[in-house]
Protein backbone atom coordinates (compact mmCIF):
# COMPACT_ATOMS: atom_id res chain seq x y z
CA UNK A 1 90.23 114.18 76.32
CA UNK A 2 92.19 113.77 79.56
CA UNK A 3 95.79 112.65 79.94
CA UNK A 4 97.51 110.51 82.58
CA UNK A 5 100.81 111.24 84.31
CA UNK A 6 102.85 108.57 86.08
CA UNK A 7 105.52 109.81 88.53
CA UNK A 8 108.38 107.30 88.41
CA UNK A 9 111.75 108.44 89.65
CA UNK A 10 114.73 106.13 89.50
CA UNK A 11 116.06 106.46 93.03
CA UNK A 12 113.86 104.08 95.00
CA UNK A 13 115.76 103.10 98.15
CA UNK A 14 113.84 100.30 99.87
CA UNK A 15 113.09 98.40 96.64
CA UNK A 16 115.82 99.32 94.14
CA UNK A 17 114.51 99.84 90.59
CA UNK A 18 111.01 98.91 91.72
CA UNK A 19 109.29 100.87 88.95
CA UNK A 20 110.83 98.61 86.28
CA UNK A 21 111.34 95.50 88.39
CA UNK A 22 109.71 92.38 86.86
CA UNK A 23 106.30 91.80 88.40
CA UNK A 24 104.27 88.73 87.39
CA UNK A 25 105.97 88.65 83.99
CA UNK A 26 106.20 92.33 83.07
CA UNK A 27 107.80 95.53 84.42
CA UNK A 28 105.82 97.02 87.30
CA UNK A 29 105.23 100.28 85.42
CA UNK A 30 103.50 98.45 82.55
CA UNK A 31 100.40 97.71 84.65
CA UNK A 32 99.20 101.27 85.33
CA UNK A 33 100.01 102.20 81.72
CA UNK A 34 97.76 99.40 80.49
CA UNK A 35 95.00 100.30 82.92
CA UNK A 36 95.01 103.97 81.94
CA UNK A 37 95.11 103.34 78.19
CA UNK A 38 92.54 100.56 78.50
CA UNK A 39 90.09 102.78 80.37
CA UNK A 40 89.29 104.94 77.37
CA UNK A 41 89.24 107.91 79.75
CA UNK A 42 92.68 109.24 78.77
CA UNK A 43 94.12 110.00 75.37
CA UNK A 44 97.79 109.62 76.33
CA UNK A 45 99.91 108.45 79.25
CA UNK A 46 103.02 110.45 80.12
CA UNK A 47 105.78 109.39 82.49
CA UNK A 48 107.71 111.93 84.51
CA UNK A 49 111.04 110.38 85.44
CA UNK A 50 114.71 111.25 85.85
CA UNK A 51 115.76 107.81 84.60
CA UNK A 52 116.27 106.92 80.89
CA UNK A 53 115.70 103.19 81.59
CA UNK A 54 112.30 103.90 83.13
CA UNK A 55 111.43 106.20 80.23
CA UNK A 56 112.34 103.48 77.71
CA UNK A 57 110.35 100.82 79.56
CA UNK A 58 107.32 103.09 79.72
CA UNK A 59 107.49 103.87 76.01
CA UNK A 60 107.63 100.14 75.22
CA UNK A 61 104.18 99.76 76.78
CA UNK A 62 102.60 102.75 75.09
CA UNK A 63 103.41 105.69 77.34
CA UNK A 64 105.28 108.83 76.31
CA UNK A 65 108.35 110.33 77.97
CA UNK A 66 109.08 113.59 76.13
CA UNK A 67 111.39 114.95 78.84
CA UNK A 68 113.43 113.88 81.86
CA UNK A 69 112.65 115.30 85.26
CA UNK A 70 115.28 117.51 86.88
CA UNK A 71 117.43 116.27 89.76
CA UNK A 72 115.85 118.90 92.02
CA UNK A 73 112.47 117.24 91.54
CA UNK A 74 113.73 113.68 91.95
CA UNK A 75 114.84 113.63 95.58
CA UNK A 76 113.48 111.56 98.44
CA UNK A 77 111.37 114.41 99.81
CA UNK A 78 109.75 115.63 96.60
CA UNK A 79 106.00 115.05 96.72
CA UNK A 80 103.88 113.53 93.98
CA UNK A 81 101.96 116.80 93.78
CA UNK A 82 105.17 118.67 93.00
CA UNK A 83 106.25 116.13 90.39
CA UNK A 84 102.87 116.10 88.64
CA UNK A 85 102.59 119.91 88.74
CA UNK A 86 105.99 120.17 87.04
CA UNK A 87 104.95 117.61 84.40
CA UNK A 88 101.68 119.44 83.73
CA UNK A 89 103.53 122.74 83.22
CA UNK A 90 106.03 121.14 80.86
CA UNK A 91 103.36 119.31 78.88
CA UNK A 92 101.34 122.50 78.58
CA UNK A 93 104.45 124.23 77.16
CA UNK A 94 104.69 121.39 74.62
CA UNK A 95 101.14 122.09 73.50
CA UNK A 96 99.39 119.20 75.25
CA UNK A 97 95.84 119.58 76.54
CA UNK A 98 96.24 119.37 80.33
CA UNK A 99 92.73 120.41 81.33
CA UNK A 100 92.03 117.01 82.97
CA UNK A 101 94.85 114.98 84.47
CA UNK A 102 94.96 111.55 86.06
CA UNK A 103 97.96 110.88 88.29
CA UNK A 104 98.45 107.14 88.60
CA UNK A 105 101.34 105.57 90.47
CA UNK A 106 103.89 103.30 88.82
CA UNK A 107 103.41 100.80 91.65
CA UNK A 108 99.64 100.40 91.20
CA UNK A 109 99.29 96.99 89.51
CA UNK A 110 95.81 96.32 90.90
CA UNK A 111 94.05 99.29 89.30
CA UNK A 112 91.50 98.24 86.69
CA UNK A 113 90.35 100.38 83.75
CA UNK A 114 86.86 100.49 85.31
CA UNK A 115 88.34 102.09 88.45
CA UNK A 116 89.70 104.93 86.37
CA UNK A 117 86.47 105.56 84.48
CA UNK A 118 84.36 105.18 87.62
CA UNK A 119 86.50 107.68 89.50
CA UNK A 120 86.39 110.10 86.59
CA UNK A 121 82.60 110.01 86.52
CA UNK A 122 82.44 110.49 90.30
CA UNK A 123 84.86 113.41 90.09
CA UNK A 124 82.78 115.18 87.46
CA UNK A 125 79.53 114.60 89.38
CA UNK A 126 80.94 115.71 92.71
CA UNK A 127 82.36 119.07 91.70
CA UNK A 128 85.32 118.39 94.00
CA UNK A 129 88.83 119.51 93.08
CA UNK A 130 90.16 115.96 93.35
CA UNK A 131 88.90 112.41 93.19
CA UNK A 132 91.21 109.88 94.78
CA UNK A 133 91.24 106.13 95.33
CA UNK A 134 90.38 105.21 98.91
CA UNK A 135 89.83 102.04 100.91
CA UNK A 136 88.23 101.11 104.22
CA UNK A 137 90.55 100.17 107.07
CA UNK A 138 90.54 96.40 107.47
CA UNK A 139 90.38 96.70 111.28
CA UNK A 140 88.50 99.29 113.38
CA UNK A 141 91.02 102.05 114.01
CA UNK A 142 89.01 103.08 117.09
CA UNK A 143 90.49 100.00 118.80
CA UNK A 144 94.04 101.21 118.39
CA UNK A 145 96.40 101.06 121.35
CA UNK A 146 99.79 102.48 122.18
CA UNK A 147 102.47 100.64 124.13
CA UNK A 148 103.77 102.66 127.09
CA UNK A 149 107.28 102.70 128.52
CA UNK A 150 106.52 99.65 130.66
CA UNK A 151 105.26 97.58 127.74
CA UNK A 152 101.61 97.98 128.75
CA UNK A 153 98.93 98.28 126.05
CA UNK A 154 96.96 101.50 126.54
CA UNK A 155 93.74 101.98 124.48
CA UNK A 156 93.56 105.31 122.72
CA UNK A 157 89.78 105.30 123.18
CA UNK A 158 88.62 103.20 126.13
CA UNK A 159 84.96 103.55 125.20
CA UNK A 160 85.34 102.41 121.58
CA UNK A 161 87.61 99.49 122.36
CA UNK A 162 84.77 97.77 124.20
CA UNK A 163 82.24 98.25 121.39
CA UNK A 164 81.33 95.68 118.75
CA UNK A 165 83.07 96.26 115.44
CA UNK A 166 79.73 96.50 113.62
CA UNK A 167 78.75 99.39 115.90
CA UNK A 168 81.85 101.45 115.01
CA UNK A 169 81.69 103.92 112.15
CA UNK A 170 83.94 102.85 109.24
CA UNK A 171 87.03 104.90 108.52
CA UNK A 172 88.92 105.16 105.24
CA UNK A 173 92.44 105.82 104.00
CA UNK A 174 94.12 106.86 100.77
CA UNK A 175 94.61 103.73 98.68
CA UNK A 176 97.72 105.25 97.08
CA UNK A 177 96.75 104.32 93.53
CA UNK A 178 95.48 107.32 91.54
CA UNK A 179 94.11 110.87 91.65
CA UNK A 180 91.99 112.86 89.21
CA UNK A 181 92.21 116.66 89.12
CA UNK A 182 92.26 119.47 86.63
CA UNK A 183 95.58 120.71 85.34
CA UNK A 184 95.05 124.02 87.13
CA UNK A 185 94.50 122.26 90.47
CA UNK A 186 97.73 120.28 90.01
CA UNK A 187 99.61 123.45 89.13
CA UNK A 188 98.23 125.21 92.21
CA UNK A 189 100.35 122.89 94.33
CA UNK A 190 97.47 121.99 96.64
CA UNK A 191 97.35 118.40 97.78
CA UNK A 192 94.05 116.47 97.97
CA UNK A 193 94.00 117.16 101.72
CA UNK A 194 94.20 120.93 101.29
CA UNK A 195 91.02 121.18 99.23
CA UNK A 196 87.89 119.15 98.40
CA UNK A 197 88.37 115.51 97.41
CA UNK A 198 85.79 112.93 96.35
CA UNK A 199 86.48 109.36 97.48
CA UNK A 200 86.39 106.49 94.99
CA UNK A 201 86.32 103.31 97.07
CA UNK A 202 88.40 100.32 96.06
CA UNK A 203 88.08 96.85 97.63
CA UNK A 204 90.65 95.82 100.23
CA UNK A 205 91.60 92.86 98.05
CA UNK A 206 93.11 95.24 95.48
CA UNK A 207 94.87 97.69 97.76
CA UNK A 208 98.46 97.31 98.95
CA UNK A 209 101.14 99.95 99.52
CA UNK A 210 104.31 98.48 97.94
CA UNK A 211 107.14 99.99 99.98
CA UNK A 212 109.31 97.06 101.06
CA UNK A 213 110.62 93.84 99.44
CA UNK A 214 108.07 91.91 101.51
CA UNK A 215 105.29 94.14 100.18
CA UNK A 216 106.50 93.42 96.65
CA UNK A 217 106.46 89.66 97.21
CA UNK A 218 103.00 89.85 98.78
CA UNK A 219 101.68 91.97 95.91
CA UNK A 220 102.97 89.53 93.33
CA UNK A 221 101.34 86.61 95.14
CA UNK A 222 98.08 88.55 95.30
CA UNK A 223 98.26 89.39 91.62
CA UNK A 224 99.00 85.81 90.59
CA UNK A 225 96.13 84.57 92.75
CA UNK A 226 93.78 86.95 90.93
CA UNK A 227 95.07 86.32 87.42
CA UNK A 228 96.29 82.73 87.49
CA UNK A 229 99.50 80.97 88.48
CA UNK A 230 101.45 82.48 85.60
CA UNK A 231 100.30 86.04 86.07
CA UNK A 232 98.74 88.28 83.45
CA UNK A 233 98.52 86.65 80.01
CA UNK A 234 98.87 90.13 78.48
CA UNK A 235 102.53 90.20 79.60
CA UNK A 236 104.50 91.63 76.68
CA UNK A 237 103.42 93.60 73.61
């Protein structure tokens, strides 16, 4: 059976300690752990972190943290692909089956178990190297403008900006929630954009990139609206 890996370094700058910050009654990292374990698609969830507090929080909710990530792989410019590839190598050396690996982000509280299983099934059907969560843009990107040096709005595509939105082809973006790939693909170092990637579409109502304190507040309001005024009743084990 597959495993899941959650990259969760301790040095978040814009939202300090965001991976273990309380979110609707439980640490942020608890939500993707629950989703992955609840999906039935993975046997174990592993956290790759440089931070003992994050490791302890993850273990409380059922994940495993058999090692701490090195400082060299915990900097601001280290990619998720690099972090997961390192984790896959280390888990393989520990005797874990890393043939199928789900990378799910610590700040993905809106992922449901059915998303994980649905994406897994799509990945296997597609034959693609990756399957990643994606979402439609909520506004036609063809109507984008730039602002010139004089403060004038300049359409990037003058033809498209005059078209009806329903006549414009939809465009999609990475939802920043999770990625399926084989262990060998992760270890190759190739990102989803350097090889073939199947797209598992998630609704806009469950997609938000949590990068700033305002994003965090908005995400918590969204989550409480979905799950009730007091958040998720599954809060603590």
